[in-house]
Protein backbone atom coordinates (compact mmCIF):
# COMPACT_ATOMS: atom_id res chain seq x y z
CA MET A 1 50.83 -56.21 8.68
CA PHE A 2 50.09 -55.59 12.43
CA LYS A 3 52.33 -52.47 12.38
CA SER A 4 50.94 -51.12 9.52
CA CYS A 5 47.09 -51.49 11.23
CA LEU A 6 48.27 -49.88 14.45
CA SER A 7 49.81 -46.96 12.62
CA LEU A 8 46.23 -46.79 10.75
CA ALA A 9 44.90 -46.37 14.35
CA TRP A 10 46.90 -43.75 15.87
CA GLN A 11 46.10 -41.88 12.51
CA LEU A 12 42.39 -42.34 12.98
CA CYS A 13 42.66 -41.17 16.78
CA ILE A 14 44.51 -38.18 15.81
CA GLY A 15 42.33 -37.33 13.26
CA LEU A 16 39.38 -37.64 15.60
CA LEU A 17 41.35 -35.62 18.10
CA VAL A 18 41.87 -32.88 15.55
CA ILE A 19 38.18 -32.87 14.18
CA VAL A 20 36.21 -33.21 17.63
CA PRO A 21 37.38 -30.24 18.89
CA ALA A 22 36.95 -28.52 15.64
CA ALA A 23 32.93 -29.20 15.85
CA THR A 24 32.72 -27.94 19.38
CA VAL A 25 34.44 -24.78 18.37
CA HIS A 26 31.92 -23.70 15.49
CA ALA A 27 28.61 -25.35 17.61
CA GLU A 28 26.04 -22.80 17.97
CA PRO A 29 25.73 -21.52 21.24
CA PRO A 30 22.26 -22.02 23.05
CA TYR A 31 19.51 -19.70 22.75
CA PRO A 32 19.24 -16.43 23.19
CA THR A 33 23.03 -14.95 23.06
CA HIS A 34 21.87 -11.57 23.01
CA ALA A 35 18.78 -9.26 23.51
CA VAL A 36 15.40 -10.30 22.26
CA HIS A 37 12.84 -7.98 21.08
CA LEU A 38 8.98 -8.61 22.12
CA VAL A 39 7.13 -6.52 19.59
CA VAL A 40 3.60 -5.42 21.30
CA PRO A 41 1.50 -3.61 18.39
CA PHE A 42 -0.41 -1.53 20.84
CA PRO A 43 0.63 1.95 22.91
CA PRO A 44 1.70 1.70 26.58
CA GLY A 45 -0.48 1.09 29.08
CA GLY A 46 -3.34 -1.65 27.36
CA GLY A 47 -3.74 -4.86 28.41
CA ASN A 48 -1.35 -6.22 26.05
CA ASP A 49 1.20 -4.06 27.16
CA VAL A 50 1.13 -4.85 30.88
CA LEU A 51 1.20 -8.76 29.86
CA GLY A 52 4.21 -7.84 27.41
CA ARG A 53 6.19 -6.14 30.48
CA LEU A 54 5.25 -8.97 32.89
CA PHE A 55 6.07 -11.76 30.84
CA SER A 56 9.74 -10.37 29.50
CA GLN A 57 11.16 -9.27 32.82
CA LYS A 58 10.73 -12.95 33.79
CA LEU A 59 12.17 -14.40 30.65
CA ALA A 60 14.68 -11.71 31.00
CA MET A 61 15.76 -13.45 34.07
CA LEU A 62 15.71 -16.74 33.01
CA TRP A 63 17.79 -15.92 29.89
CA LYS A 64 20.23 -14.10 31.40
CA GLN A 65 19.98 -11.40 28.26
CA PRO A 66 17.23 -8.38 28.29
CA VAL A 67 13.86 -8.58 26.76
CA ILE A 68 13.15 -5.24 25.45
CA VAL A 69 9.45 -4.57 25.12
CA ASP A 70 8.77 -2.64 21.70
CA ASN A 71 5.59 -0.79 21.22
CA ARG A 72 4.59 -0.41 17.43
CA PRO A 73 1.33 0.85 17.83
CA GLY A 74 -1.44 1.80 14.54
CA GLY A 75 -2.82 0.15 11.78
CA ASN A 76 -4.73 -2.38 14.15
CA THR A 77 -1.92 -4.18 15.02
CA ILE A 78 -0.79 -4.73 11.64
CA ILE A 79 2.12 -2.20 12.06
CA GLY A 80 3.52 -4.16 14.84
CA ALA A 81 2.79 -7.79 13.18
CA GLU A 82 4.26 -6.79 10.01
CA VAL A 83 7.75 -5.93 11.64
CA VAL A 84 7.85 -9.74 13.05
CA ALA A 85 6.41 -11.08 9.85
CA LYS A 86 9.49 -9.71 8.17
CA ALA A 87 11.96 -10.51 10.68
CA ALA A 88 14.78 -13.10 10.69
CA PRO A 89 13.48 -16.32 11.85
CA ASP A 90 16.02 -16.73 14.69
CA GLY A 91 13.79 -16.30 18.10
CA TYR A 92 14.99 -12.94 18.26
CA THR A 93 12.14 -11.21 17.25
CA LEU A 94 8.86 -12.03 18.71
CA LEU A 95 5.20 -10.79 19.01
CA LEU A 96 2.97 -10.71 21.72
CA THR A 97 -0.53 -10.63 20.10
CA SER A 98 -4.33 -11.42 20.92
CA SER A 99 -7.43 -12.67 19.25
CA SER A 100 -7.20 -9.80 16.89
CA HIS A 101 -4.75 -11.32 15.23
CA VAL A 102 -7.12 -13.86 13.63
CA ILE A 103 -10.12 -11.33 13.38
CA ILE A 104 -8.61 -8.75 11.25
CA PRO A 105 -8.33 -10.77 8.24
CA SER A 106 -11.57 -11.03 7.58
CA LEU A 107 -12.25 -6.80 7.86
CA LEU A 108 -8.79 -6.09 6.24
CA LYS A 109 -6.01 -6.39 3.74
CA LEU A 110 -3.05 -7.47 5.50
CA PRO A 111 0.66 -7.38 3.93
CA TYR A 112 1.16 -10.43 5.45
CA ASP A 113 -0.88 -14.01 5.87
CA ALA A 114 -2.04 -14.37 9.77
CA ILE A 115 -1.42 -17.77 10.10
CA LYS A 116 1.23 -18.67 7.51
CA ASP A 117 3.96 -16.05 8.09
CA PHE A 118 3.92 -16.77 11.74
CA THR A 119 5.40 -19.69 13.92
CA PRO A 120 2.78 -19.89 17.05
CA ILE A 121 4.85 -20.43 20.35
CA ALA A 122 2.46 -20.40 23.26
CA THR A 123 -0.89 -18.87 24.58
CA ILE A 124 0.30 -17.10 27.71
CA SER A 125 -3.01 -15.97 29.11
CA SER A 126 -6.93 -15.38 28.66
CA SER A 127 -9.26 -12.73 29.73
CA GLU A 128 -13.49 -12.26 29.61
CA LEU A 129 -14.55 -8.62 28.57
CA VAL A 130 -16.20 -5.92 30.62
CA LEU A 131 -18.75 -3.66 29.48
CA VAL A 132 -17.73 -0.59 31.56
CA VAL A 133 -19.33 2.95 31.15
CA HIS A 134 -18.26 6.79 32.21
CA PRO A 135 -19.84 7.10 35.45
CA SER A 136 -22.70 10.26 33.65
CA VAL A 137 -24.13 7.08 32.32
CA PRO A 138 -27.35 6.58 33.72
CA ALA A 139 -27.55 3.17 33.75
CA ASN A 140 -26.45 0.68 36.50
CA THR A 141 -27.46 -2.81 35.10
CA LEU A 142 -27.46 -4.25 31.71
CA LYS A 143 -30.96 -4.12 31.54
CA GLU A 144 -31.11 -0.17 32.18
CA PHE A 145 -28.26 0.17 30.04
CA ILE A 146 -29.93 -1.75 26.88
CA THR A 147 -33.08 0.27 27.88
CA LEU A 148 -30.90 3.46 27.38
CA ALA A 149 -29.41 2.55 24.43
CA LYS A 150 -32.60 1.51 22.68
CA SER A 151 -33.96 4.97 23.80
CA LYS A 152 -30.54 6.64 22.02
CA PRO A 153 -30.18 4.94 18.45
CA GLY A 154 -26.83 6.09 17.18
CA GLN A 155 -26.07 8.48 20.32
CA LEU A 156 -23.90 6.22 22.47
CA ASN A 157 -20.40 5.99 21.36
CA TYR A 158 -17.93 2.95 22.82
CA ALA A 159 -14.63 3.31 22.22
CA SER A 160 -12.39 0.20 20.23
CA GLY A 161 -8.82 -0.51 20.09
CA GLY A 162 -9.14 -0.50 16.17
CA LEU A 163 -11.23 -1.99 13.68
CA GLY A 164 -11.72 -5.49 14.01
CA ASP A 165 -10.10 -5.89 17.56
CA PRO A 166 -12.32 -7.92 20.28
CA ASN A 167 -13.31 -4.22 21.58
CA HIS A 168 -14.85 -3.79 18.19
CA LEU A 169 -16.10 -7.05 17.49
CA ALA A 170 -17.81 -7.62 20.93
CA GLY A 171 -19.71 -4.06 20.37
CA GLU A 172 -20.79 -5.09 16.93
CA LEU A 173 -22.02 -8.36 18.72
CA PHE A 174 -23.79 -6.53 21.30
CA ASP A 175 -25.76 -4.72 18.86
CA SER A 176 -27.02 -7.63 17.02
CA MET A 177 -28.01 -9.61 20.10
CA ALA A 178 -29.51 -6.76 22.33
CA GLY A 179 -31.14 -5.10 19.36
CA VAL A 180 -29.29 -1.55 19.71
CA LYS A 181 -27.09 0.88 17.57
CA MET A 182 -24.23 2.08 18.90
CA VAL A 183 -21.32 3.86 17.19
CA PRO A 184 -17.95 2.45 17.28
CA ILE A 185 -14.88 5.05 17.79
CA GLN A 186 -11.71 3.62 16.63
CA TYR A 187 -8.32 4.37 18.46
CA LYS A 188 -4.67 3.02 17.83
CA GLY A 189 -4.88 0.84 20.79
CA GLY A 190 -6.38 0.24 24.45
CA GLY A 191 -4.65 2.77 26.02
CA PRO A 192 -5.91 5.94 24.29
CA ALA A 193 -9.02 4.37 23.88
CA LEU A 194 -9.13 3.94 27.98
CA THR A 195 -7.65 7.73 28.51
CA ASP A 196 -10.98 9.09 26.43
CA LEU A 197 -13.58 6.64 28.29
CA ILE A 198 -12.40 8.12 31.37
CA GLY A 199 -12.14 11.44 30.31
CA GLY A 200 -15.95 11.15 29.17
CA GLN A 201 -15.21 11.62 25.21
CA VAL A 202 -16.78 8.18 24.90
CA GLN A 203 -19.41 6.63 26.75
CA LEU A 204 -18.54 2.91 27.02
CA PHE A 205 -15.86 0.25 26.17
CA PHE A 206 -16.14 -3.71 25.87
CA VAL A 207 -12.44 -4.59 27.20
CA ALA A 208 -10.46 -7.23 28.89
CA ALA A 209 -10.35 -6.79 32.68
CA PRO A 210 -6.67 -6.03 33.28
CA ALA A 211 -6.45 -2.63 31.56
CA VAL A 212 -10.03 -1.67 33.67
CA LEU A 213 -10.23 -3.23 37.18
CA PRO A 214 -7.78 -0.42 38.84
CA TYR A 215 -10.45 2.19 37.66
CA ILE A 216 -13.58 0.31 38.34
CA LYS A 217 -12.28 0.14 42.13
CA ALA A 218 -11.45 3.56 42.08
CA GLY A 219 -15.04 4.72 40.86
CA ASN A 220 -13.52 6.23 37.47
CA LEU A 221 -15.53 3.89 35.67
CA ARG A 222 -18.99 1.45 36.50
CA ALA A 223 -18.68 -2.01 35.47
CA ILE A 224 -22.04 -3.19 34.04
CA ALA A 225 -21.23 -6.95 32.57
CA VAL A 226 -18.37 -9.20 32.25
CA SER A 227 -18.93 -12.04 29.65
CA GLY A 228 -18.06 -15.64 30.74
CA ASP A 229 -19.59 -18.13 32.61
CA HIS A 230 -18.51 -16.59 35.84
CA ARG A 231 -17.75 -13.91 37.82
CA LEU A 232 -14.06 -12.72 38.20
CA ALA A 233 -12.40 -13.70 41.02
CA ALA A 234 -10.93 -10.40 41.16
CA ALA A 235 -14.16 -8.49 41.24
CA PRO A 236 -16.92 -10.65 42.45
CA GLN A 237 -19.56 -7.69 42.33
CA ILE A 238 -19.65 -7.84 38.43
CA PRO A 239 -22.80 -9.81 37.44
CA THR A 240 -21.93 -11.85 34.18
CA PHE A 241 -24.16 -10.98 30.74
CA THR A 242 -25.81 -14.37 31.20
CA GLU A 243 -27.30 -13.50 34.54
CA SER A 244 -28.32 -10.26 33.45
CA GLY A 245 -29.90 -11.40 31.07
CA LEU A 246 -27.80 -11.72 27.61
CA ALA A 247 -27.05 -15.53 27.13
CA ASN A 248 -24.16 -16.72 25.15
CA PHE A 249 -22.23 -13.35 24.81
CA ASN A 250 -18.94 -15.36 24.20
CA VAL A 251 -16.13 -12.67 23.66
CA ARG A 252 -13.26 -14.16 25.36
CA GLN A 253 -9.71 -12.71 24.47
CA TRP A 254 -6.72 -14.89 24.26
CA TYR A 255 -3.29 -13.43 24.30
CA GLY A 256 -0.24 -15.35 22.97
CA ILE A 257 3.44 -15.33 21.55
CA LEU A 258 4.05 -15.37 17.80
CA ALA A 259 7.79 -15.75 16.19
CA PRO A 260 8.40 -15.35 12.28
CA ALA A 261 7.44 -18.38 10.21
CA ASN A 262 10.29 -20.84 9.89
CA THR A 263 12.02 -20.32 13.22
CA PRO A 264 13.82 -23.02 14.35
CA LYS A 265 11.74 -26.11 16.13
CA GLU A 266 14.68 -25.94 18.89
CA VAL A 267 14.37 -22.16 19.51
CA VAL A 268 10.44 -22.48 19.30
CA ASP A 269 10.62 -25.25 22.21
CA ARG A 270 12.94 -23.32 24.24
CA ILE A 271 10.87 -20.48 24.25
CA SER A 272 7.58 -22.29 25.40
CA ALA A 273 8.82 -24.08 27.52
CA ASP A 274 10.43 -21.18 29.51
CA ILE A 275 6.88 -19.11 28.87
CA ALA A 276 5.16 -22.33 30.89
CA LYS A 277 7.61 -21.74 33.59
CA VAL A 278 6.93 -18.28 33.98
CA GLN A 279 3.27 -19.13 34.07
CA ALA A 280 4.09 -21.58 36.69
CA MET A 281 5.46 -18.75 39.13
CA PRO A 282 3.39 -18.44 41.93
CA ASP A 283 3.53 -14.42 41.97
CA ILE A 284 2.69 -14.32 38.21
CA ARG A 285 -0.47 -16.39 38.89
CA LYS A 286 -1.50 -14.10 41.35
CA ALA A 287 -0.53 -11.07 39.29
CA LEU A 288 -2.72 -12.56 36.25
CA SER A 289 -5.69 -13.56 39.02
CA ASP A 290 -5.61 -10.13 40.41
CA GLN A 291 -6.21 -8.37 37.01
CA GLY A 292 -8.97 -10.86 36.31
CA MET A 293 -7.00 -13.01 34.00
CA ASP A 294 -6.43 -16.90 33.82
CA VAL A 295 -3.23 -18.66 32.86
CA LEU A 296 -3.67 -20.04 29.34
CA THR A 297 -1.01 -22.80 28.51
CA THR A 298 -1.04 -23.89 25.20
CA PRO A 299 2.08 -25.20 23.36
CA PRO A 300 3.21 -24.41 19.91
CA ALA A 301 0.61 -27.07 17.53
CA GLN A 302 -2.46 -26.69 19.95
CA PHE A 303 -1.78 -23.16 19.74
CA GLY A 304 -1.65 -23.02 15.93
CA GLU A 305 -4.54 -25.34 15.94
CA LEU A 306 -6.54 -22.38 17.99
CA MET A 307 -5.54 -19.86 15.65
CA LYS A 308 -7.02 -21.26 12.70
CA SER A 309 -10.32 -22.56 14.52
CA ASP A 310 -10.68 -19.16 15.93
CA LEU A 311 -10.08 -17.64 12.43
CA ALA A 312 -12.86 -19.37 11.04
CA ARG A 313 -15.17 -18.48 14.07
CA TYR A 314 -14.67 -14.95 13.81
CA ALA A 315 -15.15 -14.82 10.35
CA GLN A 316 -18.57 -16.39 10.79
CA ILE A 317 -19.25 -13.71 13.44
CA VAL A 318 -18.22 -10.95 11.33
CA LYS A 319 -20.63 -12.28 8.39
CA THR A 320 -23.57 -12.88 11.06
CA SER A 321 -22.78 -9.15 12.49
CA ASN A 322 -23.09 -7.51 8.75
CA LEU A 323 -19.68 -6.38 9.36
CA LYS A 324 -18.15 -4.75 6.06
CA PRO A 325 -14.34 -5.61 5.30
CA ALA A 326 -12.27 -2.23 4.91
CA GLN A 327 -11.47 -1.74 1.15
């Protein structure tokens, strides 16, 4: 009896020795094992593109794998977002997006659901919007600009990165609050819009600070006011809308990373944790501050709640601004 039990025990041990190495051989290696594509739904040169390249370089260092910035402009960010919505949910195709992701559902028919077809990973930063004008515009203060706009109804054109993006919504909100009427000119992203503003093809732009601070400092553009409740540390000479006489002009823009729906939790948590590591790097914090941006650390669950709440908030702004959804 004793010998039988001993023989059985040996058989079990041998079986375990066979099973354990086999399980080890077939275990999935840790993410990532190859290049990750970061889709930026804007042309090169805009605020989103700057952020994408800044964070992709640092994530590539942490992961020891390439992080390729894939610019997919056009369609009011729909083209790039659809690429990610339909990608394999494995963490190797990500979307760097902004507040516009939850604005355009109120204005456009989408080939995806802005909430259900994506997995929120993390916000990375936020930025106030600056009203900048071409130097030919005869206004130096917000009061002077509003007076000018009232004297020229329908004659001042403002650049927009696309229908329903924060730049566009800011212009519509400004029209409503200031009692003026300006004309939005739609572009395929902030880069082309900025080029035409500097060239004088349009007169003004409500734009995220990172994209325009260098041009303001160089004198290519004139800053009129900045949204938010405090001046930018990187440009303290620019007054806020509130102190310039237009209170509650709140158009702060956030930027974040999304993955396709059903991306595994362990992959989402890994990316989110590594984004937080990048945000904590002193050179990244300085780079964001120098560009007029703030670090915005939001884990996946909280980012999801932010998207849902902003979707409802912007839908209300669209409604009160009398914007008509595109057919």
